[in-house]
PDB file of all heavy atoms in Angstrom:
ATOM      1  N   SER A   1      -8.827  12.900  -0.565  1.00  0.00           N
ATOM      2  CA  SER A   1      -8.801  12.197  -1.849  1.00  0.00           C
ATOM      3  C   SER A   1      -9.507  10.919  -1.790  1.00  0.00           C
ATOM      4  O   SER A   1     -10.250  10.456  -2.625  1.00  0.00           O
ATOM      5  CB  SER A   1      -7.363  11.997  -2.420  1.00  0.00           C
ATOM      6  OG  SER A   1      -6.766  13.284  -2.558  1.00  0.00           O
ATOM      7  N   VAL A   2      -9.170  10.095  -0.750  1.00  0.00           N
ATOM      8  CA  VAL A   2      -9.839   8.650  -0.503  1.00  0.00           C
ATOM      9  C   VAL A   2     -11.225   8.947  -0.256  1.00  0.00           C
ATOM     10  O   VAL A   2     -12.136   8.292  -0.759  1.00  0.00           O
ATOM     11  CB  VAL A   2      -9.044   8.028   0.660  1.00  0.00           C
ATOM     12  CG1 VAL A   2      -9.779   6.718   0.906  1.00  0.00           C
ATOM     13  CG2 VAL A   2      -7.642   7.732   0.352  1.00  0.00           C
ATOM     14  N   ALA A   3     -11.635   9.879   0.605  1.00  0.00           N
ATOM     15  CA  ALA A   3     -13.084  10.116   1.009  1.00  0.00           C
ATOM     16  C   ALA A   3     -13.831  10.510  -0.174  1.00  0.00           C
ATOM     17  O   ALA A   3     -15.082  10.211  -0.260  1.00  0.00           O
ATOM     18  CB  ALA A   3     -13.059  11.210   2.124  1.00  0.00           C
ATOM     19  N   LEU A   4     -13.245  11.208  -1.185  1.00  0.00           N
ATOM     20  CA  LEU A   4     -13.981  11.727  -2.428  1.00  0.00           C
ATOM     21  C   LEU A   4     -14.111  10.592  -3.413  1.00  0.00           C
ATOM     22  O   LEU A   4     -14.580  10.747  -4.536  1.00  0.00           O
ATOM     23  CB  LEU A   4     -13.296  12.913  -2.958  1.00  0.00           C
ATOM     24  CG  LEU A   4     -13.260  14.201  -2.159  1.00  0.00           C
ATOM     25  CD1 LEU A   4     -12.673  15.285  -2.791  1.00  0.00           C
ATOM     26  CD2 LEU A   4     -14.767  14.598  -1.888  1.00  0.00           C
ATOM     27  N   GLY A   5     -13.565   9.405  -3.176  1.00  0.00           N
ATOM     28  CA  GLY A   5     -13.626   8.299  -4.018  1.00  0.00           C
ATOM     29  C   GLY A   5     -12.524   8.011  -4.831  1.00  0.00           C
ATOM     30  O   GLY A   5     -12.448   7.419  -5.924  1.00  0.00           O
ATOM     31  N   GLY A   6     -11.278   8.641  -4.499  1.00  0.00           N
ATOM     32  CA  GLY A   6     -10.077   8.591  -5.200  1.00  0.00           C
ATOM     33  C   GLY A   6      -8.998   7.716  -4.514  1.00  0.00           C
ATOM     34  O   GLY A   6      -9.267   6.811  -3.794  1.00  0.00           O
ATOM     35  N   THR A   7      -7.773   8.031  -4.762  1.00  0.00           N
ATOM     36  CA  THR A   7      -6.642   7.355  -4.255  1.00  0.00           C
ATOM     37  C   THR A   7      -5.556   8.169  -3.809  1.00  0.00           C
ATOM     38  O   THR A   7      -5.460   9.280  -4.247  1.00  0.00           O
ATOM     39  CB  THR A   7      -6.183   6.254  -5.338  1.00  0.00           C
ATOM     40  OG1 THR A   7      -5.135   5.566  -4.867  1.00  0.00           O
ATOM     41  CG2 THR A   7      -5.743   6.949  -6.574  1.00  0.00           C
ATOM     42  N   ILE A   8      -4.536   7.688  -3.094  1.00  0.00           N
ATOM     43  CA  ILE A   8      -3.480   8.519  -2.480  1.00  0.00           C
ATOM     44  C   ILE A   8      -2.344   8.824  -3.256  1.00  0.00           C
ATOM     45  O   ILE A   8      -1.478   9.579  -3.066  1.00  0.00           O
ATOM     46  CB  ILE A   8      -2.950   7.824  -1.175  1.00  0.00           C
ATOM     47  CG1 ILE A   8      -2.416   6.536  -1.450  1.00  0.00           C
ATOM     48  CG2 ILE A   8      -4.035   7.760  -0.125  1.00  0.00           C
ATOM     49  CD1 ILE A   8      -1.635   5.825  -0.309  1.00  0.00           C
ATOM     50  N   THR A   9      -2.337   8.205  -4.589  1.00  0.00           N
ATOM     51  CA  THR A   9      -1.246   8.397  -5.569  1.00  0.00           C
ATOM     52  C   THR A   9      -1.831   8.283  -6.947  1.00  0.00           C
ATOM     53  O   THR A   9      -2.671   7.432  -7.144  1.00  0.00           O
ATOM     54  CB  THR A   9      -0.059   7.488  -5.256  1.00  0.00           C
ATOM     55  OG1 THR A   9       1.005   7.971  -6.246  1.00  0.00           O
ATOM     56  CG2 THR A   9      -0.401   6.094  -5.573  1.00  0.00           C
ATOM     57  N   GLY A  10      -1.075   9.025  -7.847  1.00  0.00           N
ATOM     58  CA  GLY A  10      -1.543   8.891  -9.262  1.00  0.00           C
ATOM     59  C   GLY A  10      -0.287   8.552 -10.068  1.00  0.00           C
ATOM     60  O   GLY A  10      -0.471   7.790 -11.142  1.00  0.00           O
ATOM     61  N   GLU A  11       0.895   9.002  -9.698  1.00  0.00           N
ATOM     62  CA  GLU A  11       2.154   8.644 -10.486  1.00  0.00           C
ATOM     63  C   GLU A  11       3.428   8.797  -9.691  1.00  0.00           C
ATOM     64  O   GLU A  11       4.360   8.298 -10.138  1.00  0.00           O
ATOM     65  CB  GLU A  11       2.148   9.586 -11.637  1.00  0.00           C
ATOM     66  CG  GLU A  11       2.131  11.050 -11.396  1.00  0.00           C
ATOM     67  CD  GLU A  11       2.482  11.930 -12.458  1.00  0.00           C
ATOM     68  OE1 GLU A  11       2.954  11.401 -13.511  1.00  0.00           O
ATOM     69  OE2 GLU A  11       2.213  13.067 -12.531  1.00  0.00           O
ATOM     70  N   HIS A  12       3.338   9.332  -8.439  1.00  0.00           N
ATOM     71  CA  HIS A  12       4.613   9.559  -7.706  1.00  0.00           C
ATOM     72  C   HIS A  12       4.847   8.355  -6.879  1.00  0.00           C
ATOM     73  O   HIS A  12       6.136   8.281  -6.334  1.00  0.00           O
ATOM     74  CB  HIS A  12       4.449  10.769  -6.834  1.00  0.00           C
ATOM     75  CG  HIS A  12       4.535  12.064  -7.653  1.00  0.00           C
ATOM     76  ND1 HIS A  12       4.366  13.315  -6.991  1.00  0.00           N
ATOM     77  CD2 HIS A  12       4.530  12.248  -8.911  1.00  0.00           C
ATOM     78  CE1 HIS A  12       4.343  14.310  -7.874  1.00  0.00           C
ATOM     79  NE2 HIS A  12       4.515  13.638  -9.005  1.00  0.00           N
ATOM     80  N   GLY A  13       3.926   7.421  -6.746  1.00  0.00           N
ATOM     81  CA  GLY A  13       4.425   6.297  -5.892  1.00  0.00           C
ATOM     82  C   GLY A  13       4.043   6.609  -4.320  1.00  0.00           C
ATOM     83  O   GLY A  13       3.711   7.698  -4.037  1.00  0.00           O
ATOM     84  N   VAL A  14       4.282   5.481  -3.532  1.00  0.00           N
ATOM     85  CA  VAL A  14       3.912   5.725  -2.027  1.00  0.00           C
ATOM     86  C   VAL A  14       5.152   5.899  -1.331  1.00  0.00           C
ATOM     87  O   VAL A  14       5.211   6.915  -0.537  1.00  0.00           O
ATOM     88  CB  VAL A  14       3.240   4.393  -1.562  1.00  0.00           C
ATOM     89  CG1 VAL A  14       3.062   4.496  -0.060  1.00  0.00           C
ATOM     90  CG2 VAL A  14       1.904   4.187  -2.216  1.00  0.00           C
ATOM     91  N   GLY A  15       6.210   5.235  -1.594  1.00  0.00           N
ATOM     92  CA  GLY A  15       7.537   5.286  -0.854  1.00  0.00           C
ATOM     93  C   GLY A  15       7.379   5.419   0.615  1.00  0.00           C
ATOM     94  O   GLY A  15       6.830   4.591   1.220  1.00  0.00           O
ATOM     95  N   ILE A  16       8.076   6.422   1.180  1.00  0.00           N
ATOM     96  CA  ILE A  16       7.852   6.719   2.587  1.00  0.00           C
ATOM     97  C   ILE A  16       6.701   7.772   2.889  1.00  0.00           C
ATOM     98  O   ILE A  16       5.944   7.602   3.846  1.00  0.00           O
ATOM     99  CB  ILE A  16       9.224   7.258   3.154  1.00  0.00           C
ATOM    100  CG1 ILE A  16      10.259   6.203   3.088  1.00  0.00           C
ATOM    101  CG2 ILE A  16       9.011   7.733   4.602  1.00  0.00           C
ATOM    102  CD1 ILE A  16      11.640   6.758   3.468  1.00  0.00           C
ATOM    103  N   GLU A  17       6.675   8.623   1.908  1.00  0.00           N
ATOM    104  CA  GLU A  17       5.755   9.787   2.017  1.00  0.00           C
ATOM    105  C   GLU A  17       4.316   9.487   2.400  1.00  0.00           C
ATOM    106  O   GLU A  17       3.764  10.003   3.272  1.00  0.00           O
ATOM    107  CB  GLU A  17       5.670  10.669   0.862  1.00  0.00           C
ATOM    108  CG  GLU A  17       4.796  11.858   0.782  1.00  0.00           C
ATOM    109  CD  GLU A  17       4.436  12.286  -0.603  1.00  0.00           C
ATOM    110  OE1 GLU A  17       4.561  11.544  -1.569  1.00  0.00           O
ATOM    111  OE2 GLU A  17       4.286  13.619  -0.732  1.00  0.00           O
ATOM    112  N   LYS A  18       3.777   8.441   1.697  1.00  0.00           N
ATOM    113  CA  LYS A  18       2.372   8.183   1.919  1.00  0.00           C
ATOM    114  C   LYS A  18       2.089   6.797   2.510  1.00  0.00           C
ATOM    115  O   LYS A  18       1.029   6.326   2.383  1.00  0.00           O
ATOM    116  CB  LYS A  18       1.713   8.126   0.425  1.00  0.00           C
ATOM    117  CG  LYS A  18       1.922   9.363  -0.350  1.00  0.00           C
ATOM    118  CD  LYS A  18       1.068   9.264  -1.690  1.00  0.00           C
ATOM    119  CE  LYS A  18       1.422  10.420  -2.637  1.00  0.00           C
ATOM    120  NZ  LYS A  18       2.696  10.218  -3.252  1.00  0.00           N
ATOM    121  N   ILE A  19       3.083   6.345   3.139  1.00  0.00           N
ATOM    122  CA  ILE A  19       2.817   4.888   3.743  1.00  0.00           C
ATOM    123  C   ILE A  19       1.753   4.819   4.815  1.00  0.00           C
ATOM    124  O   ILE A  19       1.062   3.905   4.928  1.00  0.00           O
ATOM    125  CB  ILE A  19       4.182   4.398   4.264  1.00  0.00           C
ATOM    126  CG1 ILE A  19       4.068   2.879   4.528  1.00  0.00           C
ATOM    127  CG2 ILE A  19       4.652   5.090   5.444  1.00  0.00           C
ATOM    128  CD1 ILE A  19       5.406   2.154   4.716  1.00  0.00           C
ATOM    129  N   ASN A  20       1.630   6.013   5.555  1.00  0.00           N
ATOM    130  CA  ASN A  20       0.560   5.994   6.534  1.00  0.00           C
ATOM    131  C   ASN A  20      -0.859   6.130   5.893  1.00  0.00           C
ATOM    132  O   ASN A  20      -1.738   5.333   6.326  1.00  0.00           O
ATOM    133  CB  ASN A  20       0.811   7.249   7.413  1.00  0.00           C
ATOM    134  CG  ASN A  20       1.724   6.979   8.526  1.00  0.00           C
ATOM    135  OD1 ASN A  20       2.138   5.898   8.871  1.00  0.00           O
ATOM    136  ND2 ASN A  20       2.348   8.106   8.992  1.00  0.00           N
ATOM    137  N   GLN A  21      -0.921   6.787   4.831  1.00  0.00           N
ATOM    138  CA  GLN A  21      -2.209   6.974   4.105  1.00  0.00           C
ATOM    139  C   GLN A  21      -2.678   5.646   3.399  1.00  0.00           C
ATOM    140  O   GLN A  21      -3.803   5.486   3.073  1.00  0.00           O
ATOM    141  CB  GLN A  21      -2.209   8.125   3.154  1.00  0.00           C
ATOM    142  CG  GLN A  21      -2.349   9.424   3.870  1.00  0.00           C
ATOM    143  CD  GLN A  21      -1.095   9.897   4.582  1.00  0.00           C
ATOM    144  OE1 GLN A  21       0.042   9.668   4.180  1.00  0.00           O
ATOM    145  NE2 GLN A  21      -1.253  10.376   5.798  1.00  0.00           N
ATOM    146  N   MET A  22      -1.635   4.700   3.239  1.00  0.00           N
ATOM    147  CA  MET A  22      -2.035   3.409   2.726  1.00  0.00           C
ATOM    148  C   MET A  22      -3.021   2.674   3.676  1.00  0.00           C
ATOM    149  O   MET A  22      -3.903   2.002   3.292  1.00  0.00           O
ATOM    150  CB  MET A  22      -0.768   2.646   2.567  1.00  0.00           C
ATOM    151  CG  MET A  22       0.036   2.911   1.352  1.00  0.00           C
ATOM    152  SD  MET A  22      -0.751   2.390  -0.216  1.00  0.00           S
ATOM    153  CE  MET A  22      -0.520   0.651  -0.105  1.00  0.00           C
ATOM    154  N   CYS A  23      -2.945   3.076   4.916  1.00  0.00           N
ATOM    155  CA  CYS A  23      -3.832   2.465   6.039  1.00  0.00           C
ATOM    156  C   CYS A  23      -5.180   3.112   5.813  1.00  0.00           C
ATOM    157  O   CYS A  23      -6.268   2.479   6.302  1.00  0.00           O
ATOM    158  CB  CYS A  23      -3.337   2.797   7.331  1.00  0.00           C
ATOM    159  SG  CYS A  23      -1.593   2.179   7.634  1.00  0.00           S
ATOM    160  N   SER A  24      -5.286   4.304   5.275  1.00  0.00           N
ATOM    161  CA  SER A  24      -6.619   4.841   4.975  1.00  0.00           C
ATOM    162  C   SER A  24      -7.269   4.239   3.734  1.00  0.00           C
ATOM    163  O   SER A  24      -8.454   4.179   3.715  1.00  0.00           O
ATOM    164  CB  SER A  24      -6.520   6.423   4.784  1.00  0.00           C
ATOM    165  OG  SER A  24      -5.979   7.066   5.912  1.00  0.00           O
ATOM    166  N   GLN A  25      -6.460   3.880   2.830  1.00  0.00           N
ATOM    167  CA  GLN A  25      -6.806   3.452   1.481  1.00  0.00           C
ATOM    168  C   GLN A  25      -7.354   1.996   1.514  1.00  0.00           C
ATOM    169  O   GLN A  25      -8.278   1.566   0.916  1.00  0.00           O
ATOM    170  CB  GLN A  25      -5.777   3.562   0.454  1.00  0.00           C
ATOM    171  CG  GLN A  25      -6.110   3.132  -0.932  1.00  0.00           C
ATOM    172  CD  GLN A  25      -6.751   4.173  -1.760  1.00  0.00           C
ATOM    173  OE1 GLN A  25      -6.164   5.261  -1.848  1.00  0.00           O
ATOM    174  NE2 GLN A  25      -7.835   4.013  -2.322  1.00  0.00           N
ATOM    175  N   PHE A  26      -6.596   1.135   2.261  1.00  0.00           N
ATOM    176  CA  PHE A  26      -6.748  -0.326   2.275  1.00  0.00           C
ATOM    177  C   PHE A  26      -7.026  -0.933   3.692  1.00  0.00           C
ATOM    178  O   PHE A  26      -6.573  -0.410   4.693  1.00  0.00           O
ATOM    179  CB  PHE A  26      -5.571  -1.000   1.620  1.00  0.00           C
ATOM    180  CG  PHE A  26      -5.260  -0.492   0.233  1.00  0.00           C
ATOM    181  CD1 PHE A  26      -4.154   0.461   0.024  1.00  0.00           C
ATOM    182  CD2 PHE A  26      -6.093  -0.968  -0.832  1.00  0.00           C
ATOM    183  CE1 PHE A  26      -3.949   0.711  -1.379  1.00  0.00           C
ATOM    184  CE2 PHE A  26      -5.747  -0.654  -2.109  1.00  0.00           C
ATOM    185  CZ  PHE A  26      -4.657   0.271  -2.353  1.00  0.00           C
ATOM    186  N   ALA A  27      -7.718  -1.959   3.722  1.00  0.00           N
ATOM    187  CA  ALA A  27      -8.113  -2.674   4.886  1.00  0.00           C
ATOM    188  C   ALA A  27      -7.111  -3.778   5.183  1.00  0.00           C
ATOM    189  O   ALA A  27      -6.303  -4.138   4.339  1.00  0.00           O
ATOM    190  CB  ALA A  27      -9.561  -3.184   4.785  1.00  0.00           C
ATOM    191  N   THR A  28      -7.278  -4.399   6.348  1.00  0.00           N
ATOM    192  CA  THR A  28      -6.313  -5.407   6.734  1.00  0.00           C
ATOM    193  C   THR A  28      -6.117  -6.606   5.850  1.00  0.00           C
ATOM    194  O   THR A  28      -5.024  -6.914   5.367  1.00  0.00           O
ATOM    195  CB  THR A  28      -6.770  -5.990   8.034  1.00  0.00           C
ATOM    196  OG1 THR A  28      -6.828  -4.938   9.042  1.00  0.00           O
ATOM    197  CG2 THR A  28      -5.865  -7.071   8.541  1.00  0.00           C
ATOM    198  N   PRO A  29      -7.132  -7.131   5.170  1.00  0.00           N
ATOM    199  CA  PRO A  29      -7.012  -8.299   4.254  1.00  0.00           C
ATOM    200  C   PRO A  29      -6.187  -7.921   2.977  1.00  0.00           C
ATOM    201  O   PRO A  29      -5.308  -8.656   2.553  1.00  0.00           O
ATOM    202  CB  PRO A  29      -8.412  -8.628   3.869  1.00  0.00           C
ATOM    203  CG  PRO A  29      -9.201  -8.148   4.866  1.00  0.00           C
ATOM    204  CD  PRO A  29      -8.647  -6.905   5.367  1.00  0.00           C
ATOM    205  N   GLU A  30      -6.340  -6.617   2.491  1.00  0.00           N
ATOM    206  CA  GLU A  30      -5.617  -6.160   1.357  1.00  0.00           C
ATOM    207  C   GLU A  30      -4.184  -5.858   1.777  1.00  0.00           C
ATOM    208  O   GLU A  30      -3.273  -6.283   0.993  1.00  0.00           O
ATOM    209  CB  GLU A  30      -6.192  -4.888   0.899  1.00  0.00           C
ATOM    210  CG  GLU A  30      -7.685  -5.032   0.397  1.00  0.00           C
ATOM    211  CD  GLU A  30      -8.433  -3.695   0.367  1.00  0.00           C
ATOM    212  OE1 GLU A  30      -8.446  -2.940   1.251  1.00  0.00           O
ATOM    213  OE2 GLU A  30      -9.128  -3.458  -0.732  1.00  0.00           O
ATOM    214  N   ILE A  31      -4.003  -5.279   2.861  1.00  0.00           N
ATOM    215  CA  ILE A  31      -2.514  -5.111   3.436  1.00  0.00           C
ATOM    216  C   ILE A  31      -1.838  -6.431   3.465  1.00  0.00           C
ATOM    217  O   ILE A  31      -0.624  -6.603   3.091  1.00  0.00           O
ATOM    218  CB  ILE A  31      -2.444  -4.353   4.714  1.00  0.00           C
ATOM    219  CG1 ILE A  31      -3.115  -2.953   4.672  1.00  0.00           C
ATOM    220  CG2 ILE A  31      -1.046  -4.320   5.235  1.00  0.00           C
ATOM    221  CD1 ILE A  31      -2.254  -1.963   3.885  1.00  0.00           C
ATOM    222  N   ARG A  32      -2.444  -7.439   4.053  1.00  0.00           N
ATOM    223  CA  ARG A  32      -1.924  -8.786   4.154  1.00  0.00           C
ATOM    224  C   ARG A  32      -1.522  -9.322   2.778  1.00  0.00           C
ATOM    225  O   ARG A  32      -0.524 -10.013   2.585  1.00  0.00           O
ATOM    226  CB  ARG A  32      -2.851  -9.701   4.945  1.00  0.00           C
ATOM    227  CG  ARG A  32      -2.860  -9.526   6.364  1.00  0.00           C
ATOM    228  CD  ARG A  32      -3.751 -10.427   7.086  1.00  0.00           C
ATOM    229  NE  ARG A  32      -3.679 -10.362   8.547  1.00  0.00           N
ATOM    230  CZ  ARG A  32      -4.670 -10.419   9.370  1.00  0.00           C
ATOM    231  NH1 ARG A  32      -5.895 -10.693   8.912  1.00  0.00           N
ATOM    232  NH2 ARG A  32      -4.599 -10.413  10.720  1.00  0.00           N
ATOM    233  N   GLN A  33      -2.445  -9.141   1.746  1.00  0.00           N
ATOM    234  CA  GLN A  33      -2.207  -9.671   0.513  1.00  0.00           C
ATOM    235  C   GLN A  33      -0.994  -8.938  -0.239  1.00  0.00           C
ATOM    236  O   GLN A  33      -0.242  -9.670  -0.896  1.00  0.00           O
ATOM    237  CB  GLN A  33      -3.439  -9.497  -0.338  1.00  0.00           C
ATOM    238  CG  GLN A  33      -3.523 -10.360  -1.693  1.00  0.00           C
ATOM    239  CD  GLN A  33      -3.580 -11.840  -1.248  1.00  0.00           C
ATOM    240  OE1 GLN A  33      -4.046 -12.245  -0.180  1.00  0.00           O
ATOM    241  NE2 GLN A  33      -2.971 -12.703  -2.086  1.00  0.00           N
ATOM    242  N   PHE A  34      -0.835  -7.613  -0.030  1.00  0.00           N
ATOM    243  CA  PHE A  34       0.344  -7.004  -0.495  1.00  0.00           C
ATOM    244  C   PHE A  34       1.515  -7.669   0.005  1.00  0.00           C
ATOM    245  O   PHE A  34       2.593  -7.811  -0.706  1.00  0.00           O
ATOM    246  CB  PHE A  34       0.283  -5.543  -0.131  1.00  0.00           C
ATOM    247  CG  PHE A  34      -0.698  -4.727  -0.870  1.00  0.00           C
ATOM    248  CD1 PHE A  34      -1.435  -3.600  -0.254  1.00  0.00           C
ATOM    249  CD2 PHE A  34      -1.073  -4.878  -2.179  1.00  0.00           C
ATOM    250  CE1 PHE A  34      -2.387  -2.870  -0.890  1.00  0.00           C
ATOM    251  CE2 PHE A  34      -1.989  -4.180  -2.928  1.00  0.00           C
ATOM    252  CZ  PHE A  34      -2.712  -3.129  -2.199  1.00  0.00           C
ATOM    253  N   HIS A  35       1.598  -7.980   1.226  1.00  0.00           N
ATOM    254  CA  HIS A  35       2.780  -8.582   1.984  1.00  0.00           C
ATOM    255  C   HIS A  35       3.014  -9.968   1.327  1.00  0.00           C
ATOM    256  O   HIS A  35       4.138 -10.316   1.318  1.00  0.00           O
ATOM    257  CB  HIS A  35       2.575  -8.573   3.401  1.00  0.00           C
ATOM    258  CG  HIS A  35       2.924  -7.223   4.098  1.00  0.00           C
ATOM    259  ND1 HIS A  35       4.221  -6.678   4.176  1.00  0.00           N
ATOM    260  CD2 HIS A  35       2.107  -6.355   4.656  1.00  0.00           C
ATOM    261  CE1 HIS A  35       4.101  -5.565   4.815  1.00  0.00           C
ATOM    262  NE2 HIS A  35       2.830  -5.339   5.060  1.00  0.00           N
ATOM    263  N   ARG A  36       1.962 -10.620   1.073  1.00  0.00           N
ATOM    264  CA  ARG A  36       2.136 -11.996   0.451  1.00  0.00           C
ATOM    265  C   ARG A  36       2.834 -11.880  -0.893  1.00  0.00           C
ATOM    266  O   ARG A  36       3.714 -12.693  -1.230  1.00  0.00           O
ATOM    267  CB  ARG A  36       0.778 -12.665   0.340  1.00  0.00           C
ATOM    268  CG  ARG A  36       0.307 -13.093   1.684  1.00  0.00           C
ATOM    269  CD  ARG A  36      -1.015 -13.936   1.596  1.00  0.00           C
ATOM    270  NE  ARG A  36      -1.430 -14.369   2.893  1.00  0.00           N
ATOM    271  CZ  ARG A  36      -2.510 -13.765   3.574  1.00  0.00           C
ATOM    272  NH1 ARG A  36      -3.203 -12.909   2.899  1.00  0.00           N
ATOM    273  NH2 ARG A  36      -2.946 -14.177   4.748  1.00  0.00           N
ATOM    274  N   VAL A  37       2.453 -10.921  -1.685  1.00  0.00           N
ATOM    275  CA  VAL A  37       3.095 -10.796  -2.953  1.00  0.00           C
ATOM    276  C   VAL A  37       4.480 -10.349  -2.786  1.00  0.00           C
ATOM    277  O   VAL A  37       5.519 -10.923  -3.521  1.00  0.00           O
ATOM    278  CB  VAL A  37       2.378  -9.568  -3.794  1.00  0.00           C
ATOM    279  CG1 VAL A  37       3.094  -9.352  -5.034  1.00  0.00           C
ATOM    280  CG2 VAL A  37       0.951 -10.122  -4.115  1.00  0.00           C
ATOM    281  N   LYS A  38       4.782  -9.437  -1.972  1.00  0.00           N
ATOM    282  CA  LYS A  38       6.261  -9.088  -1.596  1.00  0.00           C
ATOM    283  C   LYS A  38       6.927 -10.277  -1.189  1.00  0.00           C
ATOM    284  O   LYS A  38       8.161 -10.490  -1.696  1.00  0.00           O
ATOM    285  CB  LYS A  38       6.326  -8.026  -0.444  1.00  0.00           C
ATOM    286  CG  LYS A  38       7.491  -7.821   0.236  1.00  0.00           C
ATOM    287  CD  LYS A  38       8.488  -6.991  -0.715  1.00  0.00           C
ATOM    288  CE  LYS A  38       9.723  -6.529   0.125  1.00  0.00           C
ATOM    289  NZ  LYS A  38      10.672  -5.993  -0.760  1.00  0.00           N
ATOM    290  N   ALA A  39       6.502 -11.129  -0.388  1.00  0.00           N
ATOM    291  CA  ALA A  39       7.231 -12.383   0.191  1.00  0.00           C
ATOM    292  C   ALA A  39       7.417 -13.338  -0.861  1.00  0.00           C
ATOM    293  O   ALA A  39       8.432 -14.105  -0.875  1.00  0.00           O
ATOM    294  CB  ALA A  39       6.393 -12.896   1.340  1.00  0.00           C
ATOM    295  N   ALA A  40       6.568 -13.357  -1.924  1.00  0.00           N
ATOM    296  CA  ALA A  40       6.712 -14.379  -3.054  1.00  0.00           C
ATOM    297  C   ALA A  40       7.952 -14.050  -3.757  1.00  0.00           C
ATOM    298  O   ALA A  40       8.734 -14.902  -4.409  1.00  0.00           O
ATOM    299  CB  ALA A  40       5.443 -14.284  -3.872  1.00  0.00           C
ATOM    300  N   PHE A  41       8.345 -12.654  -3.979  1.00  0.00           N
ATOM    301  CA  PHE A  41       9.619 -12.258  -4.632  1.00  0.00           C
ATOM    302  C   PHE A  41      10.774 -12.218  -3.851  1.00  0.00           C
ATOM    303  O   PHE A  41      11.937 -12.392  -4.070  1.00  0.00           O
ATOM    304  CB  PHE A  41       9.227 -10.985  -5.375  1.00  0.00           C
ATOM    305  CG  PHE A  41       8.444 -11.076  -6.536  1.00  0.00           C
ATOM    306  CD1 PHE A  41       7.096 -11.152  -6.435  1.00  0.00           C
ATOM    307  CD2 PHE A  41       8.924 -11.126  -7.853  1.00  0.00           C
ATOM    308  CE1 PHE A  41       6.212 -11.222  -7.693  1.00  0.00           C
ATOM    309  CE2 PHE A  41       8.254 -11.275  -9.007  1.00  0.00           C
ATOM    310  CZ  PHE A  41       6.876 -11.279  -8.913  1.00  0.00           C
ATOM    311  N   ASP A  42      10.547 -11.695  -2.496  1.00  0.00           N
ATOM    312  CA  ASP A  42      11.641 -11.295  -1.598  1.00  0.00           C
ATOM    313  C   ASP A  42      11.256 -11.666  -0.207  1.00  0.00           C
ATOM    314  O   ASP A  42      10.916 -10.962   0.624  1.00  0.00           O
ATOM    315  CB  ASP A  42      11.767  -9.639  -1.641  1.00  0.00           C
ATOM    316  CG  ASP A  42      12.698  -9.093  -0.833  1.00  0.00           C
ATOM    317  OD1 ASP A  42      13.673  -9.855  -0.360  1.00  0.00           O
ATOM    318  OD2 ASP A  42      12.691  -7.893  -0.493  1.00  0.00           O
ATOM    319  N   PRO A  43      11.397 -13.004   0.039  1.00  0.00           N
ATOM    320  CA  PRO A  43      10.931 -13.547   1.340  1.00  0.00           C
ATOM    321  C   PRO A  43      11.588 -12.964   2.557  1.00  0.00           C
ATOM    322  O   PRO A  43      11.105 -12.867   3.785  1.00  0.00           O
ATOM    323  CB  PRO A  43      11.200 -15.064   1.276  1.00  0.00           C
ATOM    324  CG  PRO A  43      12.114 -15.241   0.148  1.00  0.00           C
ATOM    325  CD  PRO A  43      11.853 -14.111  -0.760  1.00  0.00           C
ATOM    326  N   LEU A  44      12.863 -12.515   2.437  1.00  0.00           N
ATOM    327  CA  LEU A  44      13.627 -11.794   3.610  1.00  0.00           C
ATOM    328  C   LEU A  44      13.381 -10.388   3.661  1.00  0.00           C
ATOM    329  O   LEU A  44      13.827  -9.707   4.543  1.00  0.00           O
ATOM    330  CB  LEU A  44      15.146 -12.159   3.358  1.00  0.00           C
ATOM    331  CG  LEU A  44      15.560 -13.499   3.450  1.00  0.00           C
ATOM    332  CD1 LEU A  44      17.029 -13.675   3.242  1.00  0.00           C
ATOM    333  CD2 LEU A  44      15.129 -14.135   4.825  1.00  0.00           C
ATOM    334  N   GLY A  45      12.627  -9.728   2.741  1.00  0.00           N
ATOM    335  CA  GLY A  45      12.308  -8.371   2.820  1.00  0.00           C
ATOM    336  C   GLY A  45      13.494  -7.406   2.795  1.00  0.00           C
ATOM    337  O   GLY A  45      13.461  -6.444   3.425  1.00  0.00           O
ATOM    338  N   LEU A  46      14.399  -7.769   1.819  1.00  0.00           N
ATOM    339  CA  LEU A  46      15.583  -7.040   1.717  1.00  0.00           C
ATOM    340  C   LEU A  46      15.436  -5.864   0.627  1.00  0.00           C
ATOM    341  O   LEU A  46      16.275  -4.956   0.686  1.00  0.00           O
ATOM    342  CB  LEU A  46      16.730  -7.942   1.340  1.00  0.00           C
ATOM    343  CG  LEU A  46      17.067  -9.120   2.273  1.00  0.00           C
ATOM    344  CD1 LEU A  46      18.125  -9.986   1.668  1.00  0.00           C
ATOM    345  CD2 LEU A  46      17.560  -8.551   3.572  1.00  0.00           C
TER     346      LEU A  46
END
């Protein structure tokens, strides 16, 4: 799906199921930015 120009989810979310494929979809800077957003709301990761 990613190779064809798409994405790994349309409506079911990532959860646990697709967490590895997030690494296919996004590069390091994007992953880091996702974590920064998470930390802004939930700094302890709870």
